[in-house]
Amino acid sequence: MQTSAWSMALVMLGHLRRRDVPWRRVLEATWGSLSGSFLLVCSAVGFVGASICWQAAWQARRVLGDMSFIGPEFLAIMTKEFAPLMVGTMLAARNGAGLAARLATRKATAQEDSVTLMGDDPLRLFALPEILGALFTAALLAPPALVAAELAGVITMKTSFGVEPQSFLAWDALTHGDLVFCLMKASVFGVAVTFMGARAGLRARPDPAGVGEAATRGVVDGSIAVLLLDAMLDAVRFTTGLP
């Protein structure tokens, strides 16, 4: 089987074009990923949001003596950057590693060869549903992740610095394009981390050691892909003004 990124992408796009995607597996992958990642992602984004508020508030109080501007700026930076980025990195740690390990295990136990002998494509059966499931999962996780960050910011600023929660409900600090950009980034990251996890699993050696190496490679490749794509998407948006 071809395991280069380009050949895998072409094969999967071919299945999408022919509409022979196993949608039941996609739904199962989406539910499994969403239920397993929801608490992890929201907790991670909440802790990051609290930390950002602490640092911003200490600096603002020391230098400016005014913390009223933190709420709108916090909402904007979490929407444009940290909420989708944390969704991507947490999915890389969970979904990317898990998918890589599962595919490597199937390869080590000859399940991949059995599927090929039966005339089916392991990419269609095992990898494509997970990638599409991650696409839907990431898009669904972005809004609650943003809410978790806002709640963490409100609680931190109110309990530690006496800043009223109303200052964090500054929805006029966002545009429609910011929300679209947030969902788009999260979705792209979800696809990237599972794609890299699938590639790591399919390239693994067919032995127990290869399974562990595939899981590690899935996390590393997925995390690097998220960081690179984040920089590229930000550069495209802030140089073109889209969306």
C-alpha atoms as a PDB file:
ATOM      1  CA  MET A   1       0.000   0.000   0.000  1.00  0.00           C
ATOM      2  CA  GLN A   2       1.189   3.499  -0.830  1.00  0.00           C
ATOM      3  CA  THR A   3       1.731   5.407   2.424  1.00  0.00           C
ATOM      4  CA  SER A   4       3.052   8.747   1.196  1.00  0.00           C
ATOM      5  CA  ALA A   5       0.893  11.681   2.237  1.00  0.00           C
ATOM      6  CA  TRP A   6       0.123  12.610  -1.367  1.00  0.00           C
ATOM      7  CA  SER A   7      -0.916   9.115  -2.459  1.00  0.00           C
ATOM      8  CA  MET A   8      -3.062   8.626   0.657  1.00  0.00           C
ATOM      9  CA  ALA A   9      -4.812  11.949   0.063  1.00  0.00           C
ATOM     10  CA  LEU A  10      -5.533  11.056  -3.572  1.00  0.00           C
ATOM     11  CA  VAL A  11      -6.966   7.654  -2.632  1.00  0.00           C
ATOM     12  CA  MET A  12      -9.218   9.147   0.040  1.00  0.00           C
ATOM     13  CA  LEU A  13     -10.403  11.929  -2.254  1.00  0.00           C
ATOM     14  CA  GLY A  14     -11.230   9.249  -4.816  1.00  0.00           C
ATOM     15  CA  HIS A  15     -13.436   7.462  -2.302  1.00  0.00           C
ATOM     16  CA  LEU A  16     -15.164  10.718  -1.434  1.00  0.00           C
ATOM     17  CA  ARG A  17     -15.753  11.478  -5.090  1.00  0.00           C
ATOM     18  CA  ARG A  18     -17.241   8.013  -5.675  1.00  0.00           C
ATOM     19  CA  ARG A  19     -19.354   8.383  -2.519  1.00  0.00           C
ATOM     20  CA  ASP A  20     -18.389   4.995  -1.166  1.00  0.00           C
ATOM     21  CA  VAL A  21     -17.636   6.262   2.333  1.00  0.00           C
ATOM     22  CA  PRO A  22     -18.776   3.960   5.205  1.00  0.00           C
ATOM     23  CA  TRP A  23     -20.893   6.613   6.909  1.00  0.00           C
ATOM     24  CA  ARG A  24     -21.892   4.367   9.786  1.00  0.00           C
ATOM     25  CA  ARG A  25     -18.241   4.084  10.727  1.00  0.00           C
ATOM     26  CA  VAL A  26     -17.917   7.856  10.366  1.00  0.00           C
ATOM     27  CA  LEU A  27     -20.761   8.402  12.842  1.00  0.00           C
ATOM     28  CA  GLU A  28     -19.256   5.901  15.264  1.00  0.00           C
ATOM     29  CA  ALA A  29     -15.856   7.579  14.983  1.00  0.00           C
ATOM     30  CA  THR A  30     -17.410  11.020  15.504  1.00  0.00           C
ATOM     31  CA  TRP A  31     -19.302   9.965  18.615  1.00  0.00           C
ATOM     32  CA  GLY A  32     -16.341   8.110  20.073  1.00  0.00           C
ATOM     33  CA  SER A  33     -13.989  11.013  19.475  1.00  0.00           C
ATOM     34  CA  LEU A  34     -16.445  13.644  20.707  1.00  0.00           C
ATOM     35  CA  SER A  35     -17.377  11.820  23.897  1.00  0.00           C
ATOM     36  CA  GLY A  36     -13.781  10.955  24.669  1.00  0.00           C
ATOM     37  CA  SER A  37     -12.301  14.373  23.897  1.00  0.00           C
ATOM     38  CA  PHE A  38     -14.929  16.778  25.233  1.00  0.00           C
ATOM     39  CA  LEU A  39     -13.748  16.944  28.844  1.00  0.00           C
ATOM     40  CA  LEU A  40     -10.069  16.868  27.866  1.00  0.00           C
ATOM     41  CA  VAL A  41     -10.381  19.755  25.403  1.00  0.00           C
ATOM     42  CA  CYS A  42     -12.592  21.934  27.603  1.00  0.00           C
ATOM     43  CA  SER A  43     -10.338  21.397  30.626  1.00  0.00           C
ATOM     44  CA  ALA A  44      -7.197  22.207  28.653  1.00  0.00           C
ATOM     45  CA  VAL A  45      -8.671  25.357  27.114  1.00  0.00           C
ATOM     46  CA  GLY A  46     -10.025  26.434  30.509  1.00  0.00           C
ATOM     47  CA  PHE A  47      -6.637  26.124  32.212  1.00  0.00           C
ATOM     48  CA  VAL A  48      -4.912  27.953  29.366  1.00  0.00           C
ATOM     49  CA  GLY A  49      -7.527  30.710  29.542  1.00  0.00           C
ATOM     50  CA  ALA A  50      -7.085  31.095  33.303  1.00  0.00           C
ATOM     51  CA  SER A  51      -3.305  31.295  32.911  1.00  0.00           C
ATOM     52  CA  ILE A  52      -3.574  33.938  30.183  1.00  0.00           C
ATOM     53  CA  CYS A  53      -5.894  36.036  32.354  1.00  0.00           C
ATOM     54  CA  TRP A  54      -3.543  35.815  35.321  1.00  0.00           C
ATOM     55  CA  GLN A  55      -0.570  36.978  33.302  1.00  0.00           C
ATOM     56  CA  ALA A  56      -2.479  39.727  31.506  1.00  0.00           C
ATOM     57  CA  ALA A  57      -4.078  41.019  34.693  1.00  0.00           C
ATOM     58  CA  TRP A  58      -0.810  41.190  36.642  1.00  0.00           C
ATOM     59  CA  GLN A  59       0.925  43.062  33.841  1.00  0.00           C
ATOM     60  CA  ALA A  60      -2.025  45.395  33.266  1.00  0.00           C
ATOM     61  CA  ARG A  61      -2.353  46.228  36.950  1.00  0.00           C
ATOM     62  CA  ARG A  62       1.394  46.836  37.301  1.00  0.00           C
ATOM     63  CA  VAL A  63       1.886  48.914  34.145  1.00  0.00           C
ATOM     64  CA  LEU A  64      -1.470  50.530  33.374  1.00  0.00           C
ATOM     65  CA  GLY A  65      -3.602  50.185  36.475  1.00  0.00           C
ATOM     66  CA  ASP A  66      -6.571  49.326  34.241  1.00  0.00           C
ATOM     67  CA  MET A  67      -7.849  45.820  33.523  1.00  0.00           C
ATOM     68  CA  SER A  68     -11.095  46.641  31.754  1.00  0.00           C
ATOM     69  CA  PHE A  69      -9.636  45.950  28.299  1.00  0.00           C
ATOM     70  CA  ILE A  70      -8.666  42.351  29.109  1.00  0.00           C
ATOM     71  CA  GLY A  71     -12.129  40.886  28.539  1.00  0.00           C
ATOM     72  CA  PRO A  72     -12.591  41.932  24.882  1.00  0.00           C
ATOM     73  CA  GLU A  73      -8.985  41.156  23.966  1.00  0.00           C
ATOM     74  CA  PHE A  74      -9.162  37.789  25.720  1.00  0.00           C
ATOM     75  CA  LEU A  75     -12.314  36.851  23.809  1.00  0.00           C
ATOM     76  CA  ALA A  76     -10.730  37.839  20.510  1.00  0.00           C
ATOM     77  CA  ILE A  77      -7.463  35.951  21.009  1.00  0.00           C
ATOM     78  CA  MET A  78      -9.189  32.829  22.295  1.00  0.00           C
ATOM     79  CA  THR A  79     -11.538  32.798  19.300  1.00  0.00           C
ATOM     80  CA  LYS A  80      -8.907  33.461  16.667  1.00  0.00           C
ATOM     81  CA  GLU A  81      -6.035  31.458  18.118  1.00  0.00           C
ATOM     82  CA  PHE A  82      -6.061  29.490  21.341  1.00  0.00           C
ATOM     83  CA  ALA A  83      -9.434  27.703  21.243  1.00  0.00           C
ATOM     84  CA  PRO A  84      -8.902  26.072  17.803  1.00  0.00           C
ATOM     85  CA  LEU A  85      -5.195  25.512  18.522  1.00  0.00           C
ATOM     86  CA  MET A  86      -5.941  23.671  21.764  1.00  0.00           C
ATOM     87  CA  VAL A  87      -8.623  21.614  20.033  1.00  0.00           C
ATOM     88  CA  GLY A  88      -6.036  20.570  17.460  1.00  0.00           C
ATOM     89  CA  THR A  89      -3.257  19.754  19.898  1.00  0.00           C
ATOM     90  CA  MET A  90      -5.524  17.779  22.233  1.00  0.00           C
ATOM     91  CA  LEU A  91      -6.900  15.800  19.307  1.00  0.00           C
ATOM     92  CA  ALA A  92      -3.330  15.111  18.213  1.00  0.00           C
ATOM     93  CA  ALA A  93      -2.543  13.725  21.654  1.00  0.00           C
ATOM     94  CA  ARG A  94      -5.660  11.574  21.774  1.00  0.00           C
ATOM     95  CA  ASN A  95      -6.966  10.819  18.282  1.00  0.00           C
ATOM     96  CA  GLY A  96      -3.698  10.928  16.368  1.00  0.00           C
ATOM     97  CA  ALA A  97      -1.910   8.576  18.745  1.00  0.00           C
ATOM     98  CA  GLY A  98      -4.930   6.293  19.096  1.00  0.00           C
ATOM     99  CA  LEU A  99      -5.517   5.955  15.374  1.00  0.00           C
ATOM    100  CA  ALA A 100      -1.837   5.326  14.696  1.00  0.00           C
ATOM    101  CA  ALA A 101      -1.749   2.587  17.325  1.00  0.00           C
ATOM    102  CA  ARG A 102      -4.944   0.946  16.051  1.00  0.00           C
ATOM    103  CA  LEU A 103      -3.780   0.906  12.444  1.00  0.00           C
ATOM    104  CA  ALA A 104      -0.354  -0.387  13.426  1.00  0.00           C
ATOM    105  CA  THR A 105      -2.006  -3.149  15.458  1.00  0.00           C
ATOM    106  CA  ARG A 106      -4.189  -4.126  12.510  1.00  0.00           C
ATOM    107  CA  LYS A 107      -1.088  -4.227  10.360  1.00  0.00           C
ATOM    108  CA  ALA A 108       0.808  -6.352  12.881  1.00  0.00           C
ATOM    109  CA  THR A 109      -2.107  -8.813  13.149  1.00  0.00           C
ATOM    110  CA  ALA A 110      -2.551  -9.004   9.339  1.00  0.00           C
ATOM    111  CA  GLN A 111      -6.033  -7.450   9.413  1.00  0.00           C
ATOM    112  CA  GLU A 112      -4.933  -4.953   6.800  1.00  0.00           C
ATOM    113  CA  ASP A 113      -3.841  -7.775   4.475  1.00  0.00           C
ATOM    114  CA  SER A 114      -7.135  -9.598   5.073  1.00  0.00           C
ATOM    115  CA  VAL A 115      -9.149  -6.542   4.057  1.00  0.00           C
ATOM    116  CA  THR A 116      -7.031  -6.147   0.929  1.00  0.00           C
ATOM    117  CA  LEU A 117      -7.506  -9.829   0.011  1.00  0.00           C
ATOM    118  CA  MET A 118     -11.273  -9.401   0.335  1.00  0.00           C
ATOM    119  CA  GLY A 119     -11.108  -6.643  -2.281  1.00  0.00           C
ATOM    120  CA  ASP A 120     -11.612  -3.671   0.028  1.00  0.00           C
ATOM    121  CA  ASP A 121      -9.332  -0.741   0.771  1.00  0.00           C
ATOM    122  CA  PRO A 122      -7.959  -0.406   4.337  1.00  0.00           C
ATOM    123  CA  LEU A 123      -7.795   3.342   3.838  1.00  0.00           C
ATOM    124  CA  ARG A 124     -11.510   3.478   3.074  1.00  0.00           C
ATOM    125  CA  LEU A 125     -12.460   1.114   5.870  1.00  0.00           C
ATOM    126  CA  PHE A 126     -10.149   2.147   8.696  1.00  0.00           C
ATOM    127  CA  ALA A 127      -8.633   5.586   8.066  1.00  0.00           C
ATOM    128  CA  LEU A 128     -11.192   7.640   6.129  1.00  0.00           C
ATOM    129  CA  PRO A 129     -14.001   7.290   8.720  1.00  0.00           C
ATOM    130  CA  GLU A 130     -11.645   8.423  11.479  1.00  0.00           C
ATOM    131  CA  ILE A 131     -10.501  11.451   9.481  1.00  0.00           C
ATOM    132  CA  LEU A 132     -14.041  12.530   8.629  1.00  0.00           C
ATOM    133  CA  GLY A 133     -15.103  11.870  12.217  1.00  0.00           C
ATOM    134  CA  ALA A 134     -12.309  14.141  13.450  1.00  0.00           C
ATOM    135  CA  LEU A 135     -13.430  16.841  11.018  1.00  0.00           C
ATOM    136  CA  PHE A 136     -16.916  16.850  12.550  1.00  0.00           C
ATOM    137  CA  THR A 137     -15.589  16.435  16.088  1.00  0.00           C
ATOM    138  CA  ALA A 138     -13.233  19.405  15.857  1.00  0.00           C
ATOM    139  CA  ALA A 139     -15.973  21.653  14.479  1.00  0.00           C
ATOM    140  CA  LEU A 140     -18.313  20.565  17.271  1.00  0.00           C
ATOM    141  CA  LEU A 141     -15.673  21.007  19.977  1.00  0.00           C
ATOM    142  CA  ALA A 142     -14.644  24.551  19.043  1.00  0.00           C
ATOM    143  CA  PRO A 143     -17.756  26.345  20.448  1.00  0.00           C
ATOM    144  CA  PRO A 144     -17.778  24.588  23.868  1.00  0.00           C
ATOM    145  CA  ALA A 145     -14.007  25.071  24.087  1.00  0.00           C
ATOM    146  CA  LEU A 146     -14.510  28.797  23.591  1.00  0.00           C
ATOM    147  CA  VAL A 147     -17.253  28.829  26.248  1.00  0.00           C
ATOM    148  CA  ALA A 148     -14.967  26.964  28.671  1.00  0.00           C
ATOM    149  CA  ALA A 149     -12.232  29.539  28.102  1.00  0.00           C
ATOM    150  CA  GLU A 150     -14.646  32.402  28.711  1.00  0.00           C
ATOM    151  CA  LEU A 151     -15.927  30.840  31.930  1.00  0.00           C
ATOM    152  CA  ALA A 152     -12.383  30.270  33.152  1.00  0.00           C
ATOM    153  CA  GLY A 153     -11.506  33.879  32.355  1.00  0.00           C
ATOM    154  CA  VAL A 154     -14.598  35.240  34.089  1.00  0.00           C
ATOM    155  CA  ILE A 155     -14.005  33.178  37.234  1.00  0.00           C
ATOM    156  CA  THR A 156     -10.301  34.007  37.395  1.00  0.00           C
ATOM    157  CA  MET A 157     -10.749  37.745  36.926  1.00  0.00           C
ATOM    158  CA  LYS A 158     -13.713  38.008  39.290  1.00  0.00           C
ATOM    159  CA  THR A 159     -12.296  35.966  42.161  1.00  0.00           C
ATOM    160  CA  SER A 160      -8.705  37.198  41.926  1.00  0.00           C
ATOM    161  CA  PHE A 161      -8.941  40.750  40.619  1.00  0.00           C
ATOM    162  CA  GLY A 162     -12.545  41.844  41.155  1.00  0.00           C
ATOM    163  CA  VAL A 163     -13.218  42.434  37.454  1.00  0.00           C
ATOM    164  CA  GLU A 164     -16.916  42.199  36.623  1.00  0.00           C
ATOM    165  CA  PRO A 165     -18.014  39.369  34.288  1.00  0.00           C
ATOM    166  CA  GLN A 166     -19.826  41.816  31.988  1.00  0.00           C
ATOM    167  CA  SER A 167     -16.494  42.968  30.593  1.00  0.00           C
ATOM    168  CA  PHE A 168     -15.924  39.463  29.184  1.00  0.00           C
ATOM    169  CA  LEU A 169     -19.220  39.422  27.293  1.00  0.00           C
ATOM    170  CA  ALA A 170     -17.889  41.833  24.703  1.00  0.00           C
ATOM    171  CA  TRP A 171     -19.250  40.120  21.624  1.00  0.00           C
ATOM    172  CA  ASP A 172     -18.752  43.289  19.614  1.00  0.00           C
ATOM    173  CA  ALA A 173     -15.018  42.496  19.799  1.00  0.00           C
ATOM    174  CA  LEU A 174     -15.671  39.667  17.328  1.00  0.00           C
ATOM    175  CA  THR A 175     -16.792  39.645  13.735  1.00  0.00           C
ATOM    176  CA  HIS A 176     -18.628  36.968  11.807  1.00  0.00           C
ATOM    177  CA  GLY A 177     -15.351  36.208  10.053  1.00  0.00           C
ATOM    178  CA  ASP A 178     -13.638  35.522  13.402  1.00  0.00           C
ATOM    179  CA  LEU A 179     -16.166  32.818  14.253  1.00  0.00           C
ATOM    180  CA  VAL A 180     -15.922  31.281  10.783  1.00  0.00           C
ATOM    181  CA  PHE A 181     -12.131  31.347  11.041  1.00  0.00           C
ATOM    182  CA  CYS A 182     -12.263  29.605  14.418  1.00  0.00           C
ATOM    183  CA  LEU A 183     -14.425  26.765  13.088  1.00  0.00           C
ATOM    184  CA  MET A 184     -12.354  26.491   9.911  1.00  0.00           C
ATOM    185  CA  LYS A 185      -9.065  26.258  11.801  1.00  0.00           C
ATOM    186  CA  ALA A 186     -10.403  23.657  14.212  1.00  0.00           C
ATOM    187  CA  SER A 187     -11.771  21.546  11.348  1.00  0.00           C
ATOM    188  CA  VAL A 188      -8.503  21.715   9.396  1.00  0.00           C
ATOM    189  CA  PHE A 189      -6.558  20.752  12.500  1.00  0.00           C
ATOM    190  CA  GLY A 190      -8.865  17.804  13.163  1.00  0.00           C
ATOM    191  CA  VAL A 191      -8.309  16.455   9.661  1.00  0.00           C
ATOM    192  CA  ALA A 192      -4.550  17.048   9.859  1.00  0.00           C
ATOM    193  CA  VAL A 193      -3.946  15.227  13.137  1.00  0.00           C
ATOM    194  CA  THR A 194      -5.924  12.137  12.159  1.00  0.00           C
ATOM    195  CA  PHE A 195      -4.397  12.081   8.680  1.00  0.00           C
ATOM    196  CA  MET A 196      -0.905  12.140  10.170  1.00  0.00           C
ATOM    197  CA  GLY A 197      -1.927   9.492  12.687  1.00  0.00           C
ATOM    198  CA  ALA A 198      -3.229   7.282   9.894  1.00  0.00           C
ATOM    199  CA  ARG A 199      -0.015   7.759   7.941  1.00  0.00           C
ATOM    200  CA  ALA A 200       2.082   6.846  10.982  1.00  0.00           C
ATOM    201  CA  GLY A 201       0.021   3.712  11.597  1.00  0.00           C
ATOM    202  CA  LEU A 202       0.148   2.522   7.997  1.00  0.00           C
ATOM    203  CA  ARG A 203       3.915   3.081   7.817  1.00  0.00           C
ATOM    204  CA  ALA A 204       4.598   1.196  11.067  1.00  0.00           C
ATOM    205  CA  ARG A 205       6.589  -2.001  11.290  1.00  0.00           C
ATOM    206  CA  PRO A 206       4.294  -5.041  11.722  1.00  0.00           C
ATOM    207  CA  ASP A 207       5.442  -5.908  15.237  1.00  0.00           C
ATOM    208  CA  PRO A 208       4.661  -4.790  18.828  1.00  0.00           C
ATOM    209  CA  ALA A 209       7.511  -2.272  18.887  1.00  0.00           C
ATOM    210  CA  GLY A 210       6.149  -0.741  15.696  1.00  0.00           C
ATOM    211  CA  VAL A 211       2.820  -0.055  17.421  1.00  0.00           C
ATOM    212  CA  GLY A 212       4.461   2.059  20.113  1.00  0.00           C
ATOM    213  CA  GLU A 213       6.601   3.886  17.591  1.00  0.00           C
ATOM    214  CA  ALA A 214       3.533   4.593  15.458  1.00  0.00           C
ATOM    215  CA  ALA A 215       1.667   6.106  18.418  1.00  0.00           C
ATOM    216  CA  THR A 216       4.602   8.377  19.212  1.00  0.00           C
ATOM    217  CA  ARG A 217       5.016   9.364  15.579  1.00  0.00           C
ATOM    218  CA  GLY A 218       1.306  10.108  15.305  1.00  0.00           C
ATOM    219  CA  VAL A 219       1.453  12.599  18.188  1.00  0.00           C
ATOM    220  CA  VAL A 220       4.652  14.248  16.962  1.00  0.00           C
ATOM    221  CA  ASP A 221       3.602  14.538  13.313  1.00  0.00           C
ATOM    222  CA  GLY A 222       0.096  15.671  14.229  1.00  0.00           C
ATOM    223  CA  SER A 223       1.339  18.354  16.616  1.00  0.00           C
ATOM    224  CA  ILE A 224       3.849  19.682  14.088  1.00  0.00           C
ATOM    225  CA  ALA A 225       1.152  19.716  11.401  1.00  0.00           C
ATOM    226  CA  VAL A 226      -1.171  21.727  13.656  1.00  0.00           C
ATOM    227  CA  LEU A 227       1.505  24.317  14.439  1.00  0.00           C
ATOM    228  CA  LEU A 228       2.523  24.695  10.798  1.00  0.00           C
ATOM    229  CA  LEU A 229      -1.072  24.966   9.595  1.00  0.00           C
ATOM    230  CA  ASP A 230      -1.856  27.465  12.346  1.00  0.00           C
ATOM    231  CA  ALA A 231       0.947  29.751  11.187  1.00  0.00           C
ATOM    232  CA  MET A 232      -0.024  29.328   7.526  1.00  0.00           C
ATOM    233  CA  LEU A 233      -3.731  30.018   8.098  1.00  0.00           C
ATOM    234  CA  ASP A 234      -2.964  33.095  10.201  1.00  0.00           C
ATOM    235  CA  ALA A 235      -0.596  34.398   7.546  1.00  0.00           C
ATOM    236  CA  VAL A 236      -3.184  33.869   4.795  1.00  0.00           C
ATOM    237  CA  ARG A 237      -5.965  35.502   6.747  1.00  0.00           C
ATOM    238  CA  PHE A 238      -4.095  38.541   7.989  1.00  0.00           C
ATOM    239  CA  THR A 239      -2.520  39.225   4.601  1.00  0.00           C
ATOM    240  CA  THR A 240      -5.697  38.751   2.569  1.00  0.00           C
ATOM    241  CA  GLY A 241      -8.388  39.732   5.069  1.00  0.00           C
ATOM    242  CA  LEU A 242     -10.334  36.520   4.459  1.00  0.00           C
ATOM    243  CA  PRO A 243     -12.666  35.269   5.782  1.00  0.00           C
END
